[in-house]
Structures are given as C-alpha cells and as structure tokens.
C-alpha cells in the first residue's frame, strides 16, 4: 500500500505515519529502525511515530527519506502461526478487580473465566511501560472501562482488561487496567535477547491455572 498522504508532521521533531493495523505498524517500525537514521521509532496500534534530530534535519527531508526507505510501499503484515499459551490465576489476590467485574457485568466467576480464557488473541503492540502487551480481540461482553484512580503499583504478570483489550504487565509499575488475574509465565527475562517474551503479531491463548 503506498505511503502517500499517510505521513504527517506531528511536531518539531516528530513524524507520524498512519498504517492499517498493528502488524503493519510493527513491520514498518522495524524497517525504519534498521536504517539507523532516527533518534527513536515507535510502533503503535495504527501509527508509527518517528523522532528525528531537528537541529540537523528538516521535516521535509525526513518525509522524503521515509518514502525512500519504505520504497513507497507498506511492508507486508506479519503474524505468527505459533500460539503461546499463558496460564492465568483468576481472582483472589491475583485479580483484585475480578469480583467487581463479575458484579458489574452480571457474570458468574466461571462465566467470566470462560469468556476470557481459551480464545486465540493477537498481540497488537508493546508500550505504556517496557514490555507491556496490548492484546486485541477481547469478547465484547467483557467491556469495562479503566479504573478512575490508577494503582501506584501493579505486580509483574498481572492480567488486566479495559477498552476491548487485555493488557499484560511484564514488569511491576503503576497502571489503571482492571485486574482479573496474574500469570506465572515468564514475560521478562533480563538474560534473554530480546528480554520480553511477547512481541506484536504473536498469537496467545489464556488458560485458567489452578490457584496455589
């Protein structure tokens, strides 16, 4: 797909590139990173944002260079054939919002787990905090908003839902997602390369894990 009319100047040192889906965003971001021309390249859900050195580069030059780099075509979207199985302990101290979600949506605990686990999802993007995975395809019956007051600390491995997606916390930190469980799956390994287990385009399935 041609990039014409999809590139826009977003600020003094930022260029935004609109794409069709998360897989295209990840593919294009990687294609731009390997050139080594830019200070930072970040892929999103339907946008790639490129930060350049405004002291030495003119935005018009950057736009032209992006066109050259991509060859005027979007990279082909890539998705993984492998499905990563992620066990989740739902409820109790692992999912402090689990009971509230059941009450809000008028679901039993078993119904909530059945609606969330067992389906194949796709990782849309990583962001917010390092390794945090935005996973699309959440059943519309699990539609809940983010918390009005974000938590100052969320444990690594926490499984949250909000705005039609599942969010996985690879690292501990703050967050406003509604927490329904936690996984023991190693989402982060400092000795590995890359250190984060998930990446855009990967397919995942959650399964209910027996609680300790």
Protein backbone atom coordinates (compact mmCIF):
# COMPACT_ATOMS: atom_id res chain seq x y z
CA UNK A 1 0.00 0.00 0.00
CA UNK A 2 1.52 3.38 -0.97
CA UNK A 3 2.58 5.69 1.84
CA UNK A 4 1.49 8.86 0.00
CA UNK A 5 -0.82 11.01 2.13
CA UNK A 6 -0.16 8.83 5.17
CA UNK A 7 2.83 10.75 6.53
CA UNK A 8 2.31 13.82 8.68
CA UNK A 9 4.46 16.19 10.70
CA UNK A 10 3.42 15.92 14.36
CA UNK A 11 5.87 18.34 15.96
CA UNK A 12 9.27 19.96 15.65
CA UNK A 13 11.00 16.58 15.71
CA UNK A 14 8.20 14.06 15.14
CA UNK A 15 6.75 12.41 12.05
CA UNK A 16 3.60 10.25 12.21
CA UNK A 17 2.84 7.51 9.69
CA UNK A 18 -0.68 6.07 9.57
CA UNK A 19 -0.97 2.34 8.89
CA UNK A 20 -3.80 -0.18 8.69
CA UNK A 21 -3.13 -2.47 11.65
CA UNK A 22 -0.67 -3.30 14.47
CA UNK A 23 1.23 -5.88 12.42
CA UNK A 24 1.92 -3.31 9.70
CA UNK A 25 2.97 -0.81 12.35
CA UNK A 26 5.48 -3.22 13.87
CA UNK A 27 6.86 -4.24 10.48
CA UNK A 28 7.28 -0.66 9.30
CA UNK A 29 8.83 0.45 12.62
CA UNK A 30 11.45 -2.29 12.37
CA UNK A 31 12.17 -1.37 8.74
CA UNK A 32 12.80 2.24 9.78
CA UNK A 33 14.90 1.33 12.84
CA UNK A 34 17.45 -0.68 10.89
CA UNK A 35 18.43 2.38 8.84
CA UNK A 36 19.93 3.98 11.95
CA UNK A 37 18.78 7.40 10.69
CA UNK A 38 16.38 8.24 13.52
CA UNK A 39 16.59 9.01 17.23
CA UNK A 40 13.58 6.81 18.00
CA UNK A 41 10.93 4.81 16.16
CA UNK A 42 7.81 3.63 18.00
CA UNK A 43 5.09 1.42 16.53
CA UNK A 44 1.53 1.72 17.83
CA UNK A 45 -1.89 0.28 17.04
CA UNK A 46 -2.35 2.13 13.74
CA UNK A 47 0.52 4.62 13.74
CA UNK A 48 4.31 4.69 13.65
CA UNK A 49 5.95 7.74 15.24
CA UNK A 50 9.47 8.67 14.24
CA UNK A 51 11.63 11.13 16.21
CA UNK A 52 14.49 12.84 14.38
CA UNK A 53 17.21 15.35 15.17
CA UNK A 54 15.51 18.66 14.38
CA UNK A 55 18.79 20.53 14.80
CA UNK A 56 20.27 18.85 11.74
CA UNK A 57 17.30 17.56 9.72
CA UNK A 58 14.43 19.38 8.04
CA UNK A 59 10.94 17.76 8.29
CA UNK A 60 10.53 17.81 4.51
CA UNK A 61 13.81 15.93 4.15
CA UNK A 62 12.65 13.39 6.74
CA UNK A 63 9.36 12.81 4.93
CA UNK A 64 11.25 12.23 1.69
CA UNK A 65 13.70 9.90 3.41
CA UNK A 66 10.85 7.85 4.88
CA UNK A 67 9.39 7.43 1.41
CA UNK A 68 12.77 6.30 0.08
CA UNK A 69 13.33 3.86 2.93
CA UNK A 70 9.98 2.18 2.54
CA UNK A 71 10.13 2.13 -1.24
CA UNK A 72 6.72 3.79 -1.29
CA UNK A 73 5.11 0.53 -0.14
CA UNK A 74 3.97 -0.66 3.23
CA UNK A 75 5.74 -3.79 4.49
CA UNK A 76 3.63 -6.92 4.42
CA UNK A 77 1.84 -7.57 7.69
CA UNK A 78 3.35 -10.45 9.63
CA UNK A 79 1.56 -12.68 12.12
CA UNK A 80 2.86 -15.67 13.98
CA UNK A 81 1.49 -19.16 13.32
CA UNK A 82 2.55 -20.28 16.80
CA UNK A 83 0.11 -19.81 19.67
CA UNK A 84 1.71 -19.05 23.05
CA UNK A 85 -0.26 -20.50 25.97
CA UNK A 86 -0.32 -18.24 29.02
CA UNK A 87 -1.67 -19.70 32.28
CA UNK A 88 -3.64 -17.30 34.48
CA UNK A 89 -4.71 -17.50 38.12
CA UNK A 90 -8.02 -15.64 38.07
CA UNK A 91 -9.45 -13.77 41.05
CA UNK A 92 -8.45 -13.65 44.73
CA UNK A 93 -5.28 -11.68 45.42
CA UNK A 94 -4.15 -12.32 41.83
CA UNK A 95 -7.08 -10.42 40.31
CA UNK A 96 -8.26 -7.82 42.85
CA UNK A 97 -10.96 -6.49 40.49
CA UNK A 98 -12.29 -9.90 39.46
CA UNK A 99 -15.31 -9.94 41.78
CA UNK A 100 -16.19 -6.34 40.94
CA UNK A 101 -16.12 -7.18 37.22
CA UNK A 102 -18.41 -10.16 37.80
CA UNK A 103 -20.87 -7.92 39.65
CA UNK A 104 -20.65 -5.13 37.07
CA UNK A 105 -21.22 -7.45 34.10
CA UNK A 106 -23.63 -9.78 35.92
CA UNK A 107 -21.45 -12.80 35.26
CA UNK A 108 -20.53 -15.73 37.46
CA UNK A 109 -16.85 -16.36 38.10
CA UNK A 110 -17.00 -19.36 35.77
CA UNK A 111 -18.61 -17.31 33.01
CA UNK A 112 -16.00 -14.57 33.23
CA UNK A 113 -13.15 -17.06 33.02
CA UNK A 114 -14.82 -18.87 30.10
CA UNK A 115 -15.21 -15.61 28.18
CA UNK A 116 -11.57 -14.66 28.70
CA UNK A 117 -9.69 -17.97 28.56
CA UNK A 118 -9.43 -20.44 25.72
CA UNK A 119 -9.64 -18.00 22.82
CA UNK A 120 -6.77 -17.10 20.49
CA UNK A 121 -5.77 -13.43 20.63
CA UNK A 122 -3.15 -11.33 18.84
CA UNK A 123 -0.62 -9.02 20.47
CA UNK A 124 -1.30 -5.61 18.95
CA UNK A 125 1.64 -3.68 20.38
CA UNK A 126 4.01 -3.18 23.29
CA UNK A 127 4.05 0.12 25.12
CA UNK A 128 2.97 2.18 28.14
CA UNK A 129 5.74 0.55 30.21
CA UNK A 130 8.54 -1.67 28.85
CA UNK A 131 7.13 -4.97 27.63
CA UNK A 132 3.51 -4.15 28.46
CA UNK A 133 1.44 -6.07 25.91
CA UNK A 134 -1.77 -4.73 24.38
CA UNK A 135 -3.72 -7.79 23.22
CA UNK A 136 -6.72 -7.38 20.94
CA UNK A 137 -9.82 -9.50 20.40
CA UNK A 138 -11.43 -9.33 23.85
CA UNK A 139 -15.04 -10.55 23.90
CA UNK A 140 -17.35 -7.51 23.83
CA UNK A 141 -19.22 -8.98 26.79
CA UNK A 142 -16.14 -8.18 28.89
CA UNK A 143 -16.19 -4.47 28.03
CA UNK A 144 -15.16 -2.47 31.09
CA UNK A 145 -13.56 0.98 31.44
CA UNK A 146 -10.19 1.68 33.02
CA UNK A 147 -10.05 2.44 36.73
CA UNK A 148 -10.90 6.02 37.65
CA UNK A 149 -7.93 6.04 40.01
CA UNK A 150 -4.88 4.13 38.69
CA UNK A 151 -2.92 1.98 41.10
CA UNK A 152 0.53 3.17 42.10
CA UNK A 153 1.83 -0.40 41.94
CA UNK A 154 0.76 -3.39 39.86
CA UNK A 155 2.61 -6.70 40.17
CA UNK A 156 4.51 -8.14 37.23
CA UNK A 157 2.46 -10.76 35.42
CA UNK A 158 -0.83 -9.06 36.19
CA UNK A 159 -3.60 -9.57 33.63
CA UNK A 160 -5.88 -6.60 33.08
CA UNK A 161 -8.80 -5.82 30.80
CA UNK A 162 -10.07 -2.45 29.56
CA UNK A 163 -11.40 -0.81 26.41
CA UNK A 164 -11.76 -4.04 24.43
CA UNK A 165 -8.27 -5.39 25.12
CA UNK A 166 -6.28 -7.48 27.55
CA UNK A 167 -3.16 -5.91 28.99
CA UNK A 168 -0.21 -7.90 30.37
CA UNK A 169 2.23 -6.27 32.79
CA UNK A 170 5.68 -7.67 32.02
CA UNK A 171 7.20 -5.51 34.76
CA UNK A 172 5.81 -4.10 38.01
CA UNK A 173 4.67 -0.49 37.94
CA UNK A 174 1.66 1.81 38.00
CA UNK A 175 -1.46 1.12 35.96
CA UNK A 176 -5.16 1.74 35.57
CA UNK A 177 -6.28 -1.52 33.97
CA UNK A 178 -8.95 -3.63 35.68
CA UNK A 179 -7.05 -6.61 37.09
CA UNK A 180 -8.68 -10.03 36.79
CA UNK A 181 -5.71 -12.33 37.29
CA UNK A 182 -1.98 -12.94 37.18
CA UNK A 183 0.27 -15.23 35.18
CA UNK A 184 3.39 -17.12 36.15
CA UNK A 185 4.50 -17.11 32.51
CA UNK A 186 7.98 -15.50 32.21
CA UNK A 187 7.09 -12.31 30.34
CA UNK A 188 10.51 -10.78 31.12
CA UNK A 189 13.96 -12.33 31.28
CA UNK A 190 16.87 -9.91 31.64
CA UNK A 191 19.33 -12.53 30.34
CA UNK A 192 17.35 -13.22 27.16
CA UNK A 193 17.51 -11.40 23.82
CA UNK A 194 15.04 -9.91 23.41
CA UNK A 195 14.24 -9.72 27.14
CA UNK A 196 10.45 -9.60 26.64
CA UNK A 197 8.65 -12.80 25.66
CA UNK A 198 5.87 -11.20 23.62
CA UNK A 199 6.01 -9.02 20.55
CA UNK A 200 3.46 -7.54 18.14
CA UNK A 201 1.86 -10.08 15.83
CA UNK A 202 2.27 -13.01 18.22
CA UNK A 203 -0.83 -15.06 19.00
CA UNK A 204 -1.65 -16.01 22.57
CA UNK A 205 -4.21 -18.12 24.41
CA UNK A 206 -5.02 -17.77 28.10
CA UNK A 207 -5.87 -20.84 30.14
CA UNK A 208 -7.11 -20.97 33.73
CA UNK A 209 -4.40 -22.17 36.08
CA UNK A 210 -5.16 -23.91 39.35
CA UNK A 211 -4.52 -21.45 42.15
CA UNK A 212 -1.91 -22.30 44.77
